[in-house]
Amino acid sequence: MVGEHGESEVFLWSRVNIGGVPLETFCEGCPKKCLSEERPRIEEAVRRSAYHIIEAKGYTNFGVSLAVLRIAEAVLRGEGSVLTVSALMQGEYGVEDLCLSAPCVVGGGGIERIVEMPLSEEEKEALLRSAQIIRSSLESTFS
């Protein structure tokens, strides 16, 4: 997932694979034909997951803590791991001067590079919409 962490986050279904086989190709051979039916339900469940956790526990600090721990490990160990973190876009994915979530190589120096993956046209459009939502929110907050 890339973009905003929230309602406009973008699911990169075109990048999902099972055993190295693209999801769409894998599902073509499956008799269940559930991918097109389940995709919207999965997306909504993920978008709403924080609300369900807050409803059940009152907070989401354990998940956030685990994410911070994983990022800190990558930096302290100089791992060069690919993690989805917020990074300043400088033309990647067609976005300029805005921080949003994207896969990045994280190592001893923090973000070492942004991994720009090929996206479907639908995903590109959704990511640009997500970026605009973030930008609009920043402008209304700081104007």
N, C-alpha and C. Protein backbone atom coordinates (compact mmCIF):
# COMPACT_ATOMS: atom_id res chain seq x y z
N MET A 1 0.84 -1.16 0.00
CA MET A 1 0.00 0.00 0.00
C MET A 1 0.90 1.23 0.00
N VAL A 2 0.44 2.24 -0.70
CA VAL A 2 1.19 3.48 -0.81
C VAL A 2 0.24 4.66 -0.65
N GLY A 3 0.82 5.85 -0.53
CA GLY A 3 0.02 7.07 -0.42
C GLY A 3 -0.25 7.43 1.01
N GLU A 4 -1.44 7.92 1.24
CA GLU A 4 -1.88 8.30 2.58
C GLU A 4 -2.10 7.05 3.42
N HIS A 5 -1.89 7.18 4.71
CA HIS A 5 -2.27 6.11 5.63
C HIS A 5 -3.68 6.44 6.08
N GLY A 6 -4.66 5.89 5.41
CA GLY A 6 -6.04 6.21 5.75
C GLY A 6 -6.97 5.95 4.58
N GLU A 7 -8.01 6.74 4.50
CA GLU A 7 -9.08 6.52 3.53
C GLU A 7 -8.64 6.46 2.07
N SER A 8 -7.60 7.21 1.71
CA SER A 8 -7.20 7.22 0.31
C SER A 8 -5.96 6.35 0.03
N GLU A 9 -5.59 5.50 1.00
CA GLU A 9 -4.43 4.64 0.75
C GLU A 9 -4.69 3.78 -0.48
N VAL A 10 -3.60 3.48 -1.19
CA VAL A 10 -3.72 2.80 -2.47
C VAL A 10 -3.20 1.37 -2.35
N PHE A 11 -4.03 0.43 -2.72
CA PHE A 11 -3.67 -0.98 -2.71
C PHE A 11 -3.02 -1.30 -4.05
N LEU A 12 -1.82 -1.83 -4.02
CA LEU A 12 -1.11 -2.15 -5.26
C LEU A 12 -1.34 -3.61 -5.63
N TRP A 13 -2.56 -3.89 -6.05
CA TRP A 13 -2.91 -5.27 -6.41
C TRP A 13 -2.05 -5.78 -7.56
N SER A 14 -1.62 -4.90 -8.44
CA SER A 14 -0.80 -5.33 -9.58
C SER A 14 0.56 -5.84 -9.14
N ARG A 15 0.99 -5.53 -7.94
CA ARG A 15 2.31 -5.93 -7.44
C ARG A 15 2.25 -7.19 -6.58
N VAL A 16 1.04 -7.67 -6.26
CA VAL A 16 0.90 -8.85 -5.40
C VAL A 16 1.25 -10.10 -6.20
N ASN A 17 2.01 -11.00 -5.56
CA ASN A 17 2.31 -12.27 -6.21
C ASN A 17 2.23 -13.39 -5.18
N ILE A 18 2.00 -14.58 -5.68
CA ILE A 18 1.96 -15.78 -4.86
C ILE A 18 3.02 -16.71 -5.43
N GLY A 19 4.06 -16.93 -4.67
CA GLY A 19 5.15 -17.78 -5.14
C GLY A 19 5.79 -17.24 -6.40
N GLY A 20 5.83 -15.92 -6.53
CA GLY A 20 6.43 -15.29 -7.70
C GLY A 20 5.49 -15.16 -8.89
N VAL A 21 4.28 -15.68 -8.76
CA VAL A 21 3.29 -15.60 -9.85
C VAL A 21 2.36 -14.42 -9.57
N PRO A 22 2.22 -13.50 -10.53
CA PRO A 22 1.30 -12.37 -10.30
C PRO A 22 -0.09 -12.87 -9.87
N LEU A 23 -0.69 -12.14 -8.94
CA LEU A 23 -1.98 -12.54 -8.38
C LEU A 23 -3.02 -12.79 -9.47
N GLU A 24 -3.11 -11.89 -10.44
CA GLU A 24 -4.11 -12.06 -11.51
C GLU A 24 -3.89 -13.37 -12.26
N THR A 25 -2.64 -13.71 -12.54
CA THR A 25 -2.33 -14.95 -13.25
C THR A 25 -2.66 -16.15 -12.38
N PHE A 26 -2.29 -16.08 -11.09
CA PHE A 26 -2.57 -17.16 -10.16
C PHE A 26 -4.08 -17.40 -10.08
N CYS A 27 -4.85 -16.33 -10.01
CA CYS A 27 -6.30 -16.46 -9.84
C CYS A 27 -7.01 -16.95 -11.10
N GLU A 28 -6.38 -16.76 -12.25
CA GLU A 28 -7.00 -17.26 -13.49
C GLU A 28 -7.20 -18.77 -13.44
N GLY A 29 -6.30 -19.47 -12.77
CA GLY A 29 -6.40 -20.92 -12.68
C GLY A 29 -7.19 -21.42 -11.50
N CYS A 30 -7.74 -20.52 -10.73
CA CYS A 30 -8.47 -20.91 -9.52
C CYS A 30 -9.97 -21.00 -9.83
N PRO A 31 -10.61 -22.08 -9.43
CA PRO A 31 -12.04 -22.22 -9.72
C PRO A 31 -12.94 -21.31 -8.88
N LYS A 32 -12.44 -20.73 -7.79
CA LYS A 32 -13.27 -19.92 -6.90
C LYS A 32 -13.66 -18.58 -7.50
N LYS A 33 -12.80 -17.99 -8.32
CA LYS A 33 -13.08 -16.69 -8.95
C LYS A 33 -13.44 -15.62 -7.93
N CYS A 34 -12.76 -15.64 -6.79
CA CYS A 34 -13.12 -14.75 -5.69
C CYS A 34 -12.40 -13.40 -5.73
N LEU A 35 -11.34 -13.27 -6.50
CA LEU A 35 -10.54 -12.05 -6.43
C LEU A 35 -11.36 -10.80 -6.69
N SER A 36 -12.11 -10.78 -7.76
CA SER A 36 -12.87 -9.56 -8.07
C SER A 36 -13.97 -9.30 -7.05
N GLU A 37 -14.51 -10.34 -6.48
CA GLU A 37 -15.57 -10.19 -5.48
C GLU A 37 -15.01 -9.77 -4.12
N GLU A 38 -13.85 -10.29 -3.77
CA GLU A 38 -13.27 -10.06 -2.45
C GLU A 38 -12.43 -8.80 -2.34
N ARG A 39 -11.90 -8.32 -3.45
CA ARG A 39 -10.99 -7.17 -3.41
C ARG A 39 -11.59 -5.96 -2.68
N PRO A 40 -12.80 -5.51 -3.01
CA PRO A 40 -13.37 -4.35 -2.28
C PRO A 40 -13.56 -4.63 -0.79
N ARG A 41 -13.95 -5.83 -0.44
CA ARG A 41 -14.14 -6.19 0.97
C ARG A 41 -12.81 -6.16 1.71
N ILE A 42 -11.77 -6.69 1.09
CA ILE A 42 -10.45 -6.69 1.71
C ILE A 42 -9.96 -5.25 1.91
N GLU A 43 -10.11 -4.43 0.88
CA GLU A 43 -9.68 -3.03 0.98
C GLU A 43 -10.39 -2.31 2.11
N GLU A 44 -11.69 -2.49 2.20
CA GLU A 44 -12.46 -1.81 3.25
C GLU A 44 -12.06 -2.32 4.63
N ALA A 45 -11.84 -3.62 4.76
CA ALA A 45 -11.44 -4.19 6.05
C ALA A 45 -10.09 -3.62 6.49
N VAL A 46 -9.16 -3.48 5.57
CA VAL A 46 -7.85 -2.92 5.91
C VAL A 46 -7.99 -1.45 6.29
N ARG A 47 -8.76 -0.69 5.52
CA ARG A 47 -8.94 0.73 5.84
C ARG A 47 -9.59 0.93 7.20
N ARG A 48 -10.45 0.03 7.58
CA ARG A 48 -11.19 0.15 8.83
C ARG A 48 -10.52 -0.55 10.01
N SER A 49 -9.40 -1.24 9.77
CA SER A 49 -8.80 -2.06 10.82
C SER A 49 -8.42 -1.24 12.05
N ALA A 50 -7.90 -0.05 11.88
CA ALA A 50 -7.53 0.77 13.04
C ALA A 50 -8.77 1.09 13.89
N TYR A 51 -9.89 1.36 13.22
CA TYR A 51 -11.11 1.68 13.97
C TYR A 51 -11.57 0.47 14.79
N HIS A 52 -11.42 -0.72 14.22
CA HIS A 52 -11.82 -1.93 14.95
C HIS A 52 -10.90 -2.17 16.15
N ILE A 53 -9.62 -1.90 15.98
CA ILE A 53 -8.67 -2.07 17.09
C ILE A 53 -8.98 -1.06 18.19
N ILE A 54 -9.23 0.19 17.82
CA ILE A 54 -9.56 1.22 18.80
C ILE A 54 -10.85 0.86 19.54
N GLU A 55 -11.83 0.37 18.80
CA GLU A 55 -13.09 -0.04 19.41
C GLU A 55 -12.88 -1.16 20.42
N ALA A 56 -12.00 -2.10 20.09
CA ALA A 56 -11.78 -3.25 20.96
C ALA A 56 -10.84 -2.95 22.13
N LYS A 57 -9.76 -2.18 21.85
CA LYS A 57 -8.73 -1.97 22.87
C LYS A 57 -8.64 -0.53 23.36
N GLY A 58 -9.14 0.40 22.58
CA GLY A 58 -9.06 1.80 22.97
C GLY A 58 -7.89 2.55 22.37
N TYR A 59 -6.95 1.84 21.73
CA TYR A 59 -5.76 2.48 21.15
C TYR A 59 -5.08 1.50 20.19
N THR A 60 -4.14 2.03 19.40
CA THR A 60 -3.41 1.20 18.44
C THR A 60 -1.91 1.24 18.68
N ASN A 61 -1.50 1.61 19.88
CA ASN A 61 -0.08 1.85 20.12
C ASN A 61 0.82 0.62 19.93
N PHE A 62 0.31 -0.59 20.12
CA PHE A 62 1.16 -1.76 19.94
C PHE A 62 1.57 -1.93 18.48
N GLY A 63 0.63 -1.74 17.57
CA GLY A 63 0.95 -1.84 16.14
C GLY A 63 1.94 -0.78 15.71
N VAL A 64 1.72 0.44 16.18
CA VAL A 64 2.63 1.53 15.85
C VAL A 64 4.01 1.24 16.43
N SER A 65 4.06 0.75 17.65
CA SER A 65 5.33 0.43 18.30
C SER A 65 6.09 -0.64 17.53
N LEU A 66 5.38 -1.66 17.06
CA LEU A 66 6.04 -2.71 16.29
C LEU A 66 6.60 -2.17 14.98
N ALA A 67 5.87 -1.26 14.34
CA ALA A 67 6.35 -0.66 13.10
C ALA A 67 7.61 0.17 13.34
N VAL A 68 7.60 0.97 14.40
CA VAL A 68 8.77 1.79 14.74
C VAL A 68 9.96 0.89 15.07
N LEU A 69 9.72 -0.19 15.81
CA LEU A 69 10.78 -1.14 16.14
C LEU A 69 11.39 -1.71 14.87
N ARG A 70 10.57 -2.10 13.92
CA ARG A 70 11.07 -2.69 12.67
C ARG A 70 11.92 -1.69 11.89
N ILE A 71 11.47 -0.45 11.83
CA ILE A 71 12.23 0.59 11.12
C ILE A 71 13.55 0.86 11.84
N ALA A 72 13.50 0.95 13.17
CA ALA A 72 14.72 1.18 13.96
C ALA A 72 15.72 0.04 13.76
N GLU A 73 15.25 -1.19 13.73
CA GLU A 73 16.15 -2.33 13.48
C GLU A 73 16.84 -2.19 12.13
N ALA A 74 16.08 -1.82 11.11
CA ALA A 74 16.66 -1.67 9.77
C ALA A 74 17.74 -0.60 9.75
N VAL A 75 17.51 0.49 10.48
CA VAL A 75 18.50 1.58 10.53
C VAL A 75 19.71 1.15 11.36
N LEU A 76 19.49 0.68 12.58
CA LEU A 76 20.58 0.35 13.48
C LEU A 76 21.45 -0.79 12.96
N ARG A 77 20.85 -1.73 12.26
CA ARG A 77 21.60 -2.87 11.72
C ARG A 77 22.11 -2.62 10.31
N GLY A 78 21.74 -1.47 9.75
CA GLY A 78 22.16 -1.17 8.38
C GLY A 78 21.68 -2.23 7.39
N GLU A 79 20.45 -2.66 7.55
CA GLU A 79 19.93 -3.81 6.81
C GLU A 79 19.74 -3.59 5.31
N GLY A 80 19.37 -2.39 4.94
CA GLY A 80 19.01 -2.19 3.53
C GLY A 80 17.72 -2.92 3.19
N SER A 81 16.80 -2.96 4.15
CA SER A 81 15.51 -3.64 3.97
C SER A 81 14.54 -2.74 3.21
N VAL A 82 13.66 -3.36 2.43
CA VAL A 82 12.61 -2.60 1.76
C VAL A 82 11.41 -2.56 2.69
N LEU A 83 11.07 -1.35 3.14
CA LEU A 83 9.94 -1.13 4.04
C LEU A 83 9.09 -0.01 3.47
N THR A 84 7.81 -0.08 3.69
CA THR A 84 6.93 1.00 3.27
C THR A 84 6.91 2.04 4.38
N VAL A 85 7.52 3.19 4.09
CA VAL A 85 7.62 4.28 5.06
C VAL A 85 7.28 5.59 4.35
N SER A 86 7.03 6.62 5.14
CA SER A 86 6.76 7.93 4.56
C SER A 86 8.09 8.55 4.12
N ALA A 87 8.10 9.04 2.89
CA ALA A 87 9.32 9.62 2.32
C ALA A 87 8.97 10.83 1.48
N LEU A 88 9.92 11.76 1.37
CA LEU A 88 9.74 12.94 0.55
C LEU A 88 9.87 12.56 -0.92
N MET A 89 8.78 12.72 -1.65
CA MET A 89 8.78 12.43 -3.08
C MET A 89 9.38 13.61 -3.83
N GLN A 90 10.30 13.31 -4.72
CA GLN A 90 10.93 14.34 -5.54
C GLN A 90 10.81 13.93 -7.00
N GLY A 91 9.57 13.69 -7.41
CA GLY A 91 9.28 13.28 -8.77
C GLY A 91 8.88 11.83 -8.90
N GLU A 92 9.15 11.03 -7.87
CA GLU A 92 8.75 9.63 -7.91
C GLU A 92 7.23 9.55 -8.02
N TYR A 93 6.78 8.67 -8.85
CA TYR A 93 5.35 8.44 -9.07
C TYR A 93 4.62 9.71 -9.52
N GLY A 94 5.37 10.70 -10.01
CA GLY A 94 4.76 11.94 -10.46
C GLY A 94 4.40 12.89 -9.35
N VAL A 95 4.96 12.69 -8.15
CA VAL A 95 4.65 13.52 -6.99
C VAL A 95 5.90 14.31 -6.61
N GLU A 96 5.73 15.60 -6.38
CA GLU A 96 6.83 16.50 -6.02
C GLU A 96 6.60 17.13 -4.65
N ASP A 97 7.66 17.24 -3.87
CA ASP A 97 7.67 17.99 -2.61
C ASP A 97 6.53 17.62 -1.67
N LEU A 98 6.34 16.34 -1.48
CA LEU A 98 5.28 15.86 -0.59
C LEU A 98 5.71 14.51 -0.02
N CYS A 99 5.49 14.33 1.27
CA CYS A 99 5.80 13.04 1.89
C CYS A 99 4.58 12.14 1.81
N LEU A 100 4.80 10.92 1.37
CA LEU A 100 3.76 9.90 1.40
C LEU A 100 4.42 8.53 1.51
N SER A 101 3.63 7.55 1.84
CA SER A 101 4.16 6.20 2.03
C SER A 101 4.49 5.56 0.70
N ALA A 102 5.68 4.95 0.66
CA ALA A 102 6.13 4.25 -0.53
C ALA A 102 7.19 3.24 -0.09
N PRO A 103 7.41 2.21 -0.89
CA PRO A 103 8.48 1.28 -0.54
C PRO A 103 9.83 1.97 -0.66
N CYS A 104 10.64 1.84 0.37
CA CYS A 104 11.96 2.47 0.40
C CYS A 104 12.99 1.48 0.93
N VAL A 105 14.22 1.64 0.49
CA VAL A 105 15.32 0.89 1.07
C VAL A 105 15.74 1.66 2.32
N VAL A 106 15.65 0.99 3.47
CA VAL A 106 15.97 1.61 4.75
C VAL A 106 17.21 0.92 5.32
N GLY A 107 18.23 1.74 5.59
CA GLY A 107 19.48 1.19 6.12
C GLY A 107 20.09 2.12 7.15
N GLY A 108 21.39 2.03 7.31
CA GLY A 108 22.10 2.79 8.33
C GLY A 108 21.91 4.29 8.23
N GLY A 109 21.67 4.81 7.04
CA GLY A 109 21.45 6.24 6.87
C GLY A 109 19.99 6.63 6.82
N GLY A 110 19.11 5.73 7.23
CA GLY A 110 17.68 5.99 7.12
C GLY A 110 17.18 5.55 5.75
N ILE A 111 16.41 6.41 5.11
CA ILE A 111 15.92 6.08 3.77
C ILE A 111 17.08 6.25 2.79
N GLU A 112 17.47 5.16 2.18
CA GLU A 112 18.58 5.20 1.24
C GLU A 112 18.11 5.47 -0.17
N ARG A 113 16.93 4.98 -0.49
CA ARG A 113 16.33 5.30 -1.78
C ARG A 113 14.87 4.88 -1.80
N ILE A 114 14.11 5.54 -2.63
CA ILE A 114 12.71 5.20 -2.84
C ILE A 114 12.66 4.19 -3.98
N VAL A 115 11.92 3.11 -3.78
CA VAL A 115 11.78 2.09 -4.81
C VAL A 115 10.54 2.44 -5.63
N GLU A 116 10.75 2.89 -6.84
CA GLU A 116 9.62 3.26 -7.70
C GLU A 116 9.25 2.06 -8.56
N MET A 117 8.09 1.51 -8.28
CA MET A 117 7.62 0.30 -8.98
C MET A 117 6.67 0.67 -10.11
N PRO A 118 6.62 -0.16 -11.13
CA PRO A 118 5.61 0.07 -12.16
C PRO A 118 4.21 -0.13 -11.56
N LEU A 119 3.31 0.78 -11.87
CA LEU A 119 1.94 0.69 -11.38
C LEU A 119 0.98 0.63 -12.55
N SER A 120 -0.20 0.06 -12.32
CA SER A 120 -1.24 0.10 -13.33
C SER A 120 -1.74 1.55 -13.44
N GLU A 121 -2.41 1.87 -14.52
CA GLU A 121 -2.95 3.23 -14.69
C GLU A 121 -3.91 3.58 -13.55
N GLU A 122 -4.73 2.63 -13.17
CA GLU A 122 -5.68 2.86 -12.07
C GLU A 122 -4.94 3.16 -10.77
N GLU A 123 -3.87 2.44 -10.50
CA GLU A 123 -3.08 2.66 -9.29
C GLU A 123 -2.38 4.02 -9.34
N LYS A 124 -1.84 4.39 -10.49
CA LYS A 124 -1.19 5.70 -10.63
C LYS A 124 -2.18 6.83 -10.34
N GLU A 125 -3.38 6.73 -10.92
CA GLU A 125 -4.41 7.75 -10.69
C GLU A 125 -4.81 7.81 -9.22
N ALA A 126 -4.97 6.65 -8.60
CA ALA A 126 -5.35 6.61 -7.18
C ALA A 126 -4.25 7.21 -6.31
N LEU A 127 -2.99 6.95 -6.65
CA LEU A 127 -1.88 7.50 -5.87
C LEU A 127 -1.83 9.02 -6.01
N LEU A 128 -2.05 9.52 -7.21
CA LEU A 128 -2.06 10.98 -7.40
C LEU A 128 -3.23 11.62 -6.65
N ARG A 129 -4.38 10.93 -6.60
CA ARG A 129 -5.52 11.43 -5.81
C ARG A 129 -5.17 11.45 -4.33
N SER A 130 -4.52 10.40 -3.86
CA SER A 130 -4.11 10.32 -2.46
C SER A 130 -3.14 11.45 -2.14
N ALA A 131 -2.19 11.69 -3.03
CA ALA A 131 -1.22 12.78 -2.82
C ALA A 131 -1.94 14.13 -2.75
N GLN A 132 -2.93 14.31 -3.60
CA GLN A 132 -3.67 15.58 -3.59
C GLN A 132 -4.47 15.75 -2.29
N ILE A 133 -4.99 14.67 -1.77
CA ILE A 133 -5.71 14.73 -0.49
C ILE A 133 -4.75 15.15 0.62
N ILE A 134 -3.55 14.59 0.63
CA ILE A 134 -2.56 14.96 1.64
C ILE A 134 -2.18 16.43 1.47
N ARG A 135 -1.92 16.84 0.24
CA ARG A 135 -1.52 18.22 -0.03
C ARG A 135 -2.62 19.20 0.38
N SER A 136 -3.86 18.89 0.04
CA SER A 136 -4.99 19.75 0.42
C SER A 136 -5.14 19.85 1.92
N SER A 137 -4.95 18.74 2.61
CA SER A 137 -5.05 18.74 4.07
C SER A 137 -3.95 19.61 4.67
N LEU A 138 -2.75 19.52 4.14
CA LEU A 138 -1.65 20.35 4.63
C LEU A 138 -1.93 21.84 4.38
N GLU A 139 -2.43 22.14 3.19
CA GLU A 139 -2.70 23.53 2.84
C GLU A 139 -3.78 24.12 3.74
N SER A 140 -4.84 23.33 4.02
CA SER A 140 -5.90 23.86 4.87
C SER A 140 -5.44 23.98 6.32
N THR A 141 -4.53 23.12 6.74
CA THR A 141 -4.01 23.17 8.10
C THR A 141 -3.09 24.36 8.31
N PHE A 142 -2.26 24.65 7.31
CA PHE A 142 -1.23 25.67 7.49
C PHE A 142 -1.51 26.98 6.75
N SER A 143 -2.75 27.18 6.31
CA SER A 143 -3.05 28.45 5.64
C SER A 143 -3.88 29.37 6.51
